[in-house]
């Protein structure tokens, strides 16, 4: 149950981050410290097509699965 809640939270958190990175929101363009990371050609095409939210959601799901699996395995090994 806790892992499901963690998975949903991480999916939401990663989705907001991926969508903001693709749309280049909340970034300081003049300084390097405000850069959230490079945007690939596939992400740029998805932004121009209007399918960037679906791509961001797919990236969020993959990231959340990885993070939740790591936490599950750590707790499984420790306890």
PDB file of N, CA and C in Angstrom:
ATOM      1  N   UNK A   1       0.824  -1.188   0.000  1.00  0.00           N
ATOM      2  CA  UNK A   1       0.000   0.000   0.000  1.00  0.00           C
ATOM      3  C   UNK A   1       0.871   1.257   0.000  1.00  0.00           C
ATOM      4  N   UNK A   2       1.921   1.266   0.829  1.00  0.00           N
ATOM      5  CA  UNK A   2       2.796   2.426   0.883  1.00  0.00           C
ATOM      6  C   UNK A   2       3.536   2.625  -0.437  1.00  0.00           C
ATOM      7  N   UNK A   3       3.855   1.524  -1.089  1.00  0.00           N
ATOM      8  CA  UNK A   3       4.572   1.628  -2.356  1.00  0.00           C
ATOM      9  C   UNK A   3       3.674   2.195  -3.448  1.00  0.00           C
ATOM     10  N   UNK A   4       2.398   1.901  -3.384  1.00  0.00           N
ATOM     11  CA  UNK A   4       1.455   2.469  -4.348  1.00  0.00           C
ATOM     12  C   UNK A   4       1.334   3.978  -4.155  1.00  0.00           C
ATOM     13  N   UNK A   5       1.250   4.402  -2.905  1.00  0.00           N
ATOM     14  CA  UNK A   5       1.182   5.839  -2.615  1.00  0.00           C
ATOM     15  C   UNK A   5       2.468   6.521  -3.060  1.00  0.00           C
ATOM     16  N   UNK A   6       3.614   5.904  -2.779  1.00  0.00           N
ATOM     17  CA  UNK A   6       4.893   6.447  -3.208  1.00  0.00           C
ATOM     18  C   UNK A   6       4.975   6.510  -4.729  1.00  0.00           C
ATOM     19  N   UNK A   7       4.503   5.460  -5.400  1.00  0.00           N
ATOM     20  CA  UNK A   7       4.529   5.431  -6.857  1.00  0.00           C
ATOM     21  C   UNK A   7       3.677   6.550  -7.446  1.00  0.00           C
ATOM     22  N   UNK A   8       2.493   6.764  -6.912  1.00  0.00           N
ATOM     23  CA  UNK A   8       1.610   7.817  -7.421  1.00  0.00           C
ATOM     24  C   UNK A   8       2.227   9.191  -7.181  1.00  0.00           C
ATOM     25  N   UNK A   9       2.791   9.398  -5.984  1.00  0.00           N
ATOM     26  CA  UNK A   9       3.428  10.681  -5.695  1.00  0.00           C
ATOM     27  C   UNK A   9       4.609  10.931  -6.631  1.00  0.00           C
ATOM     28  N   UNK A  10       5.461   9.930  -6.804  1.00  0.00           N
ATOM     29  CA  UNK A  10       6.620  10.101  -7.675  1.00  0.00           C
ATOM     30  C   UNK A  10       6.218  10.310  -9.130  1.00  0.00           C
ATOM     31  N   UNK A  11       5.147   9.655  -9.563  1.00  0.00           N
ATOM     32  CA  UNK A  11       4.663   9.860 -10.925  1.00  0.00           C
ATOM     33  C   UNK A  11       4.215  11.302 -11.105  1.00  0.00           C
ATOM     34  N   UNK A  12       3.452  11.805 -10.168  1.00  0.00           N
ATOM     35  CA  UNK A  12       2.994  13.195 -10.257  1.00  0.00           C
ATOM     36  C   UNK A  12       4.178  14.157 -10.234  1.00  0.00           C
ATOM     37  N   UNK A  13       5.109  13.929  -9.318  1.00  0.00           N
ATOM     38  CA  UNK A  13       6.269  14.805  -9.172  1.00  0.00           C
ATOM     39  C   UNK A  13       7.134  14.786 -10.435  1.00  0.00           C
ATOM     40  N   UNK A  14       7.396  13.613 -10.969  1.00  0.00           N
ATOM     41  CA  UNK A  14       8.201  13.492 -12.185  1.00  0.00           C
ATOM     42  C   UNK A  14       7.482  14.070 -13.397  1.00  0.00           C
ATOM     43  N   UNK A  15       6.149  13.925 -13.442  1.00  0.00           N
ATOM     44  CA  UNK A  15       5.377  14.473 -14.561  1.00  0.00           C
ATOM     45  C   UNK A  15       5.468  15.995 -14.598  1.00  0.00           C
ATOM     46  N   UNK A  16       5.311  16.617 -13.448  1.00  0.00           N
ATOM     47  CA  UNK A  16       5.406  18.077 -13.386  1.00  0.00           C
ATOM     48  C   UNK A  16       6.801  18.527 -13.817  1.00  0.00           C
ATOM     49  N   UNK A  17       7.820  17.824 -13.366  1.00  0.00           N
ATOM     50  CA  UNK A  17       9.188  18.171 -13.733  1.00  0.00           C
ATOM     51  C   UNK A  17       9.478  17.971 -15.208  1.00  0.00           C
ATOM     52  N   UNK A  18       9.042  16.846 -15.765  1.00  0.00           N
ATOM     53  CA  UNK A  18       9.302  16.565 -17.183  1.00  0.00           C
ATOM     54  C   UNK A  18       8.541  17.534 -18.075  1.00  0.00           C
ATOM     55  N   UNK A  19       7.301  17.820 -17.717  1.00  0.00           N
ATOM     56  CA  UNK A  19       6.503  18.755 -18.519  1.00  0.00           C
ATOM     57  C   UNK A  19       7.115  20.153 -18.477  1.00  0.00           C
ATOM     58  N   UNK A  20       7.552  20.586 -17.303  1.00  0.00           N
ATOM     59  CA  UNK A  20       8.184  21.893 -17.186  1.00  0.00           C
ATOM     60  C   UNK A  20       9.498  21.972 -17.932  1.00  0.00           C
ATOM     61  N   UNK A  21      10.255  20.881 -17.911  1.00  0.00           N
ATOM     62  CA  UNK A  21      11.527  20.868 -18.636  1.00  0.00           C
ATOM     63  C   UNK A  21      11.303  20.935 -20.131  1.00  0.00           C
ATOM     64  N   UNK A  22      10.330  20.182 -20.637  1.00  0.00           N
ATOM     65  CA  UNK A  22      10.051  20.178 -22.068  1.00  0.00           C
ATOM     66  C   UNK A  22       9.514  21.533 -22.513  1.00  0.00           C
ATOM     67  N   UNK A  23       8.630  22.116 -21.718  1.00  0.00           N
ATOM     68  CA  UNK A  23       8.057  23.419 -22.076  1.00  0.00           C
ATOM     69  C   UNK A  23       8.990  24.567 -21.729  1.00  0.00           C
ATOM     70  N   UNK A  24      10.072  24.269 -21.023  1.00  0.00           N
ATOM     71  CA  UNK A  24      11.044  25.263 -20.564  1.00  0.00           C
ATOM     72  C   UNK A  24      10.394  26.317 -19.679  1.00  0.00           C
ATOM     73  N   UNK A  25       9.540  25.871 -18.774  1.00  0.00           N
ATOM     74  CA  UNK A  25       8.910  26.758 -17.807  1.00  0.00           C
ATOM     75  C   UNK A  25       9.774  26.831 -16.565  1.00  0.00           C
ATOM     76  N   UNK A  26       9.622  27.920 -15.841  1.00  0.00           N
ATOM     77  CA  UNK A  26      10.306  28.133 -14.564  1.00  0.00           C
ATOM     78  C   UNK A  26      11.818  28.026 -14.700  1.00  0.00           C
ATOM     79  N   UNK A  27      12.348  28.514 -15.793  1.00  0.00           N
ATOM     80  CA  UNK A  27      13.786  28.468 -15.997  1.00  0.00           C
ATOM     81  C   UNK A  27      14.329  29.872 -16.166  1.00  0.00           C
ATOM     82  N   UNK A  28      15.523  30.065 -15.686  1.00  0.00           N
ATOM     83  CA  UNK A  28      16.231  31.318 -15.911  1.00  0.00           C
ATOM     84  C   UNK A  28      17.109  31.086 -17.135  1.00  0.00           C
ATOM     85  N   UNK A  29      16.757  31.713 -18.228  1.00  0.00           N
ATOM     86  CA  UNK A  29      17.444  31.454 -19.490  1.00  0.00           C
ATOM     87  C   UNK A  29      18.870  32.011 -19.472  1.00  0.00           C
ATOM     88  N   UNK A  30      19.096  33.141 -18.807  1.00  0.00           N
ATOM     89  CA  UNK A  30      20.396  33.803 -18.848  1.00  0.00           C
ATOM     90  C   UNK A  30      21.466  33.078 -18.037  1.00  0.00           C
ATOM     91  N   UNK A  31      21.070  32.340 -17.027  1.00  0.00           N
ATOM     92  CA  UNK A  31      22.042  31.695 -16.147  1.00  0.00           C
ATOM     93  C   UNK A  31      21.990  30.181 -16.327  1.00  0.00           C
ATOM     94  N   UNK A  32      23.139  29.545 -16.177  1.00  0.00           N
ATOM     95  CA  UNK A  32      23.198  28.097 -16.307  1.00  0.00           C
ATOM     96  C   UNK A  32      22.544  27.391 -15.133  1.00  0.00           C
ATOM     97  N   UNK A  33      22.508  28.021 -13.975  1.00  0.00           N
ATOM     98  CA  UNK A  33      21.966  27.355 -12.793  1.00  0.00           C
ATOM     99  C   UNK A  33      20.458  27.159 -12.881  1.00  0.00           C
ATOM    100  N   UNK A  34      19.778  27.857 -13.775  1.00  0.00           N
ATOM    101  CA  UNK A  34      18.344  27.691 -13.940  1.00  0.00           C
ATOM    102  C   UNK A  34      17.980  26.656 -14.981  1.00  0.00           C
ATOM    103  N   UNK A  35      18.977  26.045 -15.619  1.00  0.00           N
ATOM    104  CA  UNK A  35      18.718  25.079 -16.678  1.00  0.00           C
ATOM    105  C   UNK A  35      18.313  23.744 -16.075  1.00  0.00           C
ATOM    106  N   UNK A  36      17.200  23.195 -16.531  1.00  0.00           N
ATOM    107  CA  UNK A  36      16.708  21.926 -16.008  1.00  0.00           C
ATOM    108  C   UNK A  36      17.226  20.720 -16.786  1.00  0.00           C
ATOM    109  N   UNK A  37      17.955  20.948 -17.832  1.00  0.00           N
ATOM    110  CA  UNK A  37      18.507  19.842 -18.596  1.00  0.00           C
ATOM    111  C   UNK A  37      18.207  19.985 -20.070  1.00  0.00           C
ATOM    112  N   UNK A  38      18.896  19.211 -20.868  1.00  0.00           N
ATOM    113  CA  UNK A  38      18.687  19.310 -22.309  1.00  0.00           C
ATOM    114  C   UNK A  38      17.352  18.699 -22.732  1.00  0.00           C
ATOM    115  N   UNK A  39      16.806  19.247 -23.798  1.00  0.00           N
ATOM    116  CA  UNK A  39      15.575  18.728 -24.380  1.00  0.00           C
ATOM    117  C   UNK A  39      15.958  18.042 -25.680  1.00  0.00           C
ATOM    118  N   UNK A  40      15.550  16.789 -25.835  1.00  0.00           N
ATOM    119  CA  UNK A  40      15.927  16.028 -27.021  1.00  0.00           C
ATOM    120  C   UNK A  40      15.103  16.466 -28.230  1.00  0.00           C
ATOM    121  N   UNK A  41      15.505  15.973 -29.371  1.00  0.00           N
ATOM    122  CA  UNK A  41      14.787  16.286 -30.618  1.00  0.00           C
ATOM    123  C   UNK A  41      13.386  15.700 -30.566  1.00  0.00           C
ATOM    124  N   UNK A  42      13.256  14.506 -30.018  1.00  0.00           N
ATOM    125  CA  UNK A  42      11.946  13.865 -29.891  1.00  0.00           C
ATOM    126  C   UNK A  42      11.013  14.699 -29.009  1.00  0.00           C
ATOM    127  N   UNK A  43      11.553  15.266 -27.943  1.00  0.00           N
ATOM    128  CA  UNK A  43      10.750  16.095 -27.052  1.00  0.00           C
ATOM    129  C   UNK A  43      10.362  17.412 -27.718  1.00  0.00           C
ATOM    130  N   UNK A  44      11.277  17.978 -28.510  1.00  0.00           N
ATOM    131  CA  UNK A  44      10.962  19.208 -29.239  1.00  0.00           C
ATOM    132  C   UNK A  44       9.866  18.961 -30.261  1.00  0.00           C
ATOM    133  N   UNK A  45       9.931  17.832 -30.951  1.00  0.00           N
ATOM    134  CA  UNK A  45       8.874  17.484 -31.919  1.00  0.00           C
ATOM    135  C   UNK A  45       7.546  17.243 -31.220  1.00  0.00           C
ATOM    136  N   UNK A  46       7.585  16.600 -30.059  1.00  0.00           N
ATOM    137  CA  UNK A  46       6.352  16.357 -29.306  1.00  0.00           C
ATOM    138  C   UNK A  46       5.745  17.672 -28.832  1.00  0.00           C
ATOM    139  N   UNK A  47       6.579  18.642 -28.485  1.00  0.00           N
ATOM    140  CA  UNK A  47       6.081  19.950 -28.065  1.00  0.00           C
ATOM    141  C   UNK A  47       5.406  20.663 -29.224  1.00  0.00           C
ATOM    142  N   UNK A  48       5.996  20.580 -30.404  1.00  0.00           N
ATOM    143  CA  UNK A  48       5.386  21.244 -31.561  1.00  0.00           C
ATOM    144  C   UNK A  48       4.125  20.524 -32.031  1.00  0.00           C
ATOM    145  N   UNK A  49       4.041  19.211 -31.794  1.00  0.00           N
ATOM    146  CA  UNK A  49       2.848  18.443 -32.175  1.00  0.00           C
ATOM    147  C   UNK A  49       1.746  18.521 -31.124  1.00  0.00           C
ATOM    148  N   UNK A  50       2.096  18.925 -29.924  1.00  0.00           N
ATOM    149  CA  UNK A  50       1.123  18.987 -28.842  1.00  0.00           C
ATOM    150  C   UNK A  50       0.980  17.685 -28.077  1.00  0.00           C
ATOM    151  N   UNK A  51       1.900  16.747 -28.283  1.00  0.00           N
ATOM    152  CA  UNK A  51       1.848  15.459 -27.578  1.00  0.00           C
ATOM    153  C   UNK A  51       2.903  15.372 -26.475  1.00  0.00           C
ATOM    154  N   UNK A  52       3.405  16.515 -26.051  1.00  0.00           N
ATOM    155  CA  UNK A  52       4.475  16.515 -25.048  1.00  0.00           C
ATOM    156  C   UNK A  52       3.976  16.069 -23.677  1.00  0.00           C
ATOM    157  N   UNK A  53       2.709  16.261 -23.384  1.00  0.00           N
ATOM    158  CA  UNK A  53       2.193  15.834 -22.078  1.00  0.00           C
ATOM    159  C   UNK A  53       2.164  14.310 -21.979  1.00  0.00           C
ATOM    160  N   UNK A  54       1.825  13.655 -23.072  1.00  0.00           N
ATOM    161  CA  UNK A  54       1.833  12.193 -23.086  1.00  0.00           C
ATOM    162  C   UNK A  54       3.259  11.662 -22.943  1.00  0.00           C
ATOM    163  N   UNK A  55       4.193  12.306 -23.615  1.00  0.00           N
ATOM    164  CA  UNK A  55       5.595  11.906 -23.510  1.00  0.00           C
ATOM    165  C   UNK A  55       6.124  12.143 -22.093  1.00  0.00           C
ATOM    166  N   UNK A  56       5.754  13.262 -21.497  1.00  0.00           N
ATOM    167  CA  UNK A  56       6.176  13.550 -20.117  1.00  0.00           C
ATOM    168  C   UNK A  56       5.576  12.535 -19.157  1.00  0.00           C
ATOM    169  N   UNK A  57       4.328  12.127 -19.382  1.00  0.00           N
ATOM    170  CA  UNK A  57       3.698  11.132 -18.518  1.00  0.00           C
ATOM    171  C   UNK A  57       4.397   9.784 -18.649  1.00  0.00           C
ATOM    172  N   UNK A  58       4.768   9.410 -19.863  1.00  0.00           N
ATOM    173  CA  UNK A  58       5.491   8.153 -20.082  1.00  0.00           C
ATOM    174  C   UNK A  58       6.846   8.185 -19.371  1.00  0.00           C
ATOM    175  N   UNK A  59       7.546   9.315 -19.461  1.00  0.00           N
ATOM    176  CA  UNK A  59       8.823   9.450 -18.769  1.00  0.00           C
ATOM    177  C   UNK A  59       8.636   9.390 -17.253  1.00  0.00           C
ATOM    178  N   UNK A  60       7.555   9.981 -16.768  1.00  0.00           N
ATOM    179  CA  UNK A  60       7.275   9.977 -15.327  1.00  0.00           C
ATOM    180  C   UNK A  60       6.981   8.570 -14.826  1.00  0.00           C
ATOM    181  N   UNK A  61       6.230   7.797 -15.599  1.00  0.00           N
ATOM    182  CA  UNK A  61       5.915   6.417 -15.207  1.00  0.00           C
ATOM    183  C   UNK A  61       7.193   5.584 -15.125  1.00  0.00           C
ATOM    184  N   UNK A  62       8.049   5.712 -16.124  1.00  0.00           N
ATOM    185  CA  UNK A  62       9.290   4.933 -16.141  1.00  0.00           C
ATOM    186  C   UNK A  62      10.173   5.312 -14.953  1.00  0.00           C
ATOM    187  N   UNK A  63      10.321   6.608 -14.707  1.00  0.00           N
ATOM    188  CA  UNK A  63      11.125   7.057 -13.574  1.00  0.00           C
ATOM    189  C   UNK A  63      10.564   6.596 -12.244  1.00  0.00           C
ATOM    190  N   UNK A  64       9.253   6.654 -12.099  1.00  0.00           N
ATOM    191  CA  UNK A  64       8.619   6.242 -10.849  1.00  0.00           C
ATOM    192  C   UNK A  64       8.769   4.745 -10.613  1.00  0.00           C
ATOM    193  N   UNK A  65       8.667   3.959 -11.672  1.00  0.00           N
ATOM    194  CA  UNK A  65       8.877   2.517 -11.534  1.00  0.00           C
ATOM    195  C   UNK A  65      10.298   2.214 -11.060  1.00  0.00           C
ATOM    196  N   UNK A  66      11.262   2.924 -11.617  1.00  0.00           N
ATOM    197  CA  UNK A  66      12.647   2.697 -11.232  1.00  0.00           C
ATOM    198  C   UNK A  66      12.868   3.096  -9.775  1.00  0.00           C
ATOM    199  N   UNK A  67      12.411   4.298  -9.399  1.00  0.00           N
ATOM    200  CA  UNK A  67      12.619   4.772  -8.026  1.00  0.00           C
ATOM    201  C   UNK A  67      11.898   3.900  -7.012  1.00  0.00           C
ATOM    202  N   UNK A  68      10.670   3.529  -7.298  1.00  0.00           N
ATOM    203  CA  UNK A  68       9.911   2.706  -6.368  1.00  0.00           C
ATOM    204  C   UNK A  68      10.536   1.311  -6.251  1.00  0.00           C
ATOM    205  N   UNK A  69      11.025   0.773  -7.357  1.00  0.00           N
ATOM    206  CA  UNK A  69      11.677  -0.541  -7.316  1.00  0.00           C
ATOM    207  C   UNK A  69      12.947  -0.514  -6.482  1.00  0.00           C
ATOM    208  N   UNK A  70      13.723   0.556  -6.610  1.00  0.00           N
ATOM    209  CA  UNK A  70      14.947   0.674  -5.818  1.00  0.00           C
ATOM    210  C   UNK A  70      14.617   0.733  -4.332  1.00  0.00           C
ATOM    211  N   UNK A  71      13.625   1.532  -3.978  1.00  0.00           N
ATOM    212  CA  UNK A  71      13.244   1.646  -2.568  1.00  0.00           C
ATOM    213  C   UNK A  71      12.698   0.322  -2.053  1.00  0.00           C
ATOM    214  N   UNK A  72      11.887  -0.378  -2.866  1.00  0.00           N
ATOM    215  CA  UNK A  72      11.354  -1.678  -2.466  1.00  0.00           C
ATOM    216  C   UNK A  72      12.484  -2.678  -2.235  1.00  0.00           C
ATOM    217  N   UNK A  73      13.430  -2.726  -3.157  1.00  0.00           N
ATOM    218  CA  UNK A  73      14.540  -3.671  -3.016  1.00  0.00           C
ATOM    219  C   UNK A  73      15.421  -3.344  -1.809  1.00  0.00           C
ATOM    220  N   UNK A  74      15.638  -2.069  -1.546  1.00  0.00           N
ATOM    221  CA  UNK A  74      16.417  -1.698  -0.364  1.00  0.00           C
ATOM    222  C   UNK A  74      15.732  -2.153   0.917  1.00  0.00           C
ATOM    223  N   UNK A  75      14.423  -1.932   1.021  1.00  0.00           N
ATOM    224  CA  UNK A  75      13.706  -2.373   2.214  1.00  0.00           C
ATOM    225  C   UNK A  75      13.627  -3.892   2.290  1.00  0.00           C
ATOM    226  N   UNK A  76      13.535  -4.553   1.142  1.00  0.00           N
ATOM    227  CA  UNK A  76      13.495  -6.011   1.124  1.00  0.00           C
ATOM    228  C   UNK A  76      14.809  -6.596   1.612  1.00  0.00           C
ATOM    229  N   UNK A  77      15.916  -6.001   1.194  1.00  0.00           N
ATOM    230  CA  UNK A  77      17.234  -6.503   1.607  1.00  0.00           C
ATOM    231  C   UNK A  77      17.503  -6.180   3.073  1.00  0.00           C
ATOM    232  N   UNK A  78      17.142  -4.981   3.517  1.00  0.00           N
ATOM    233  CA  UNK A  78      17.442  -4.560   4.885  1.00  0.00           C
ATOM    234  C   UNK A  78      16.566  -5.307   5.889  1.00  0.00           C
ATOM    235  N   UNK A  79      15.272  -5.390   5.606  1.00  0.00           N
ATOM    236  CA  UNK A  79      14.348  -6.015   6.567  1.00  0.00           C
ATOM    237  C   UNK A  79      14.029  -7.387   6.088  1.00  0.00           C
TER     238      UNK A  79
END
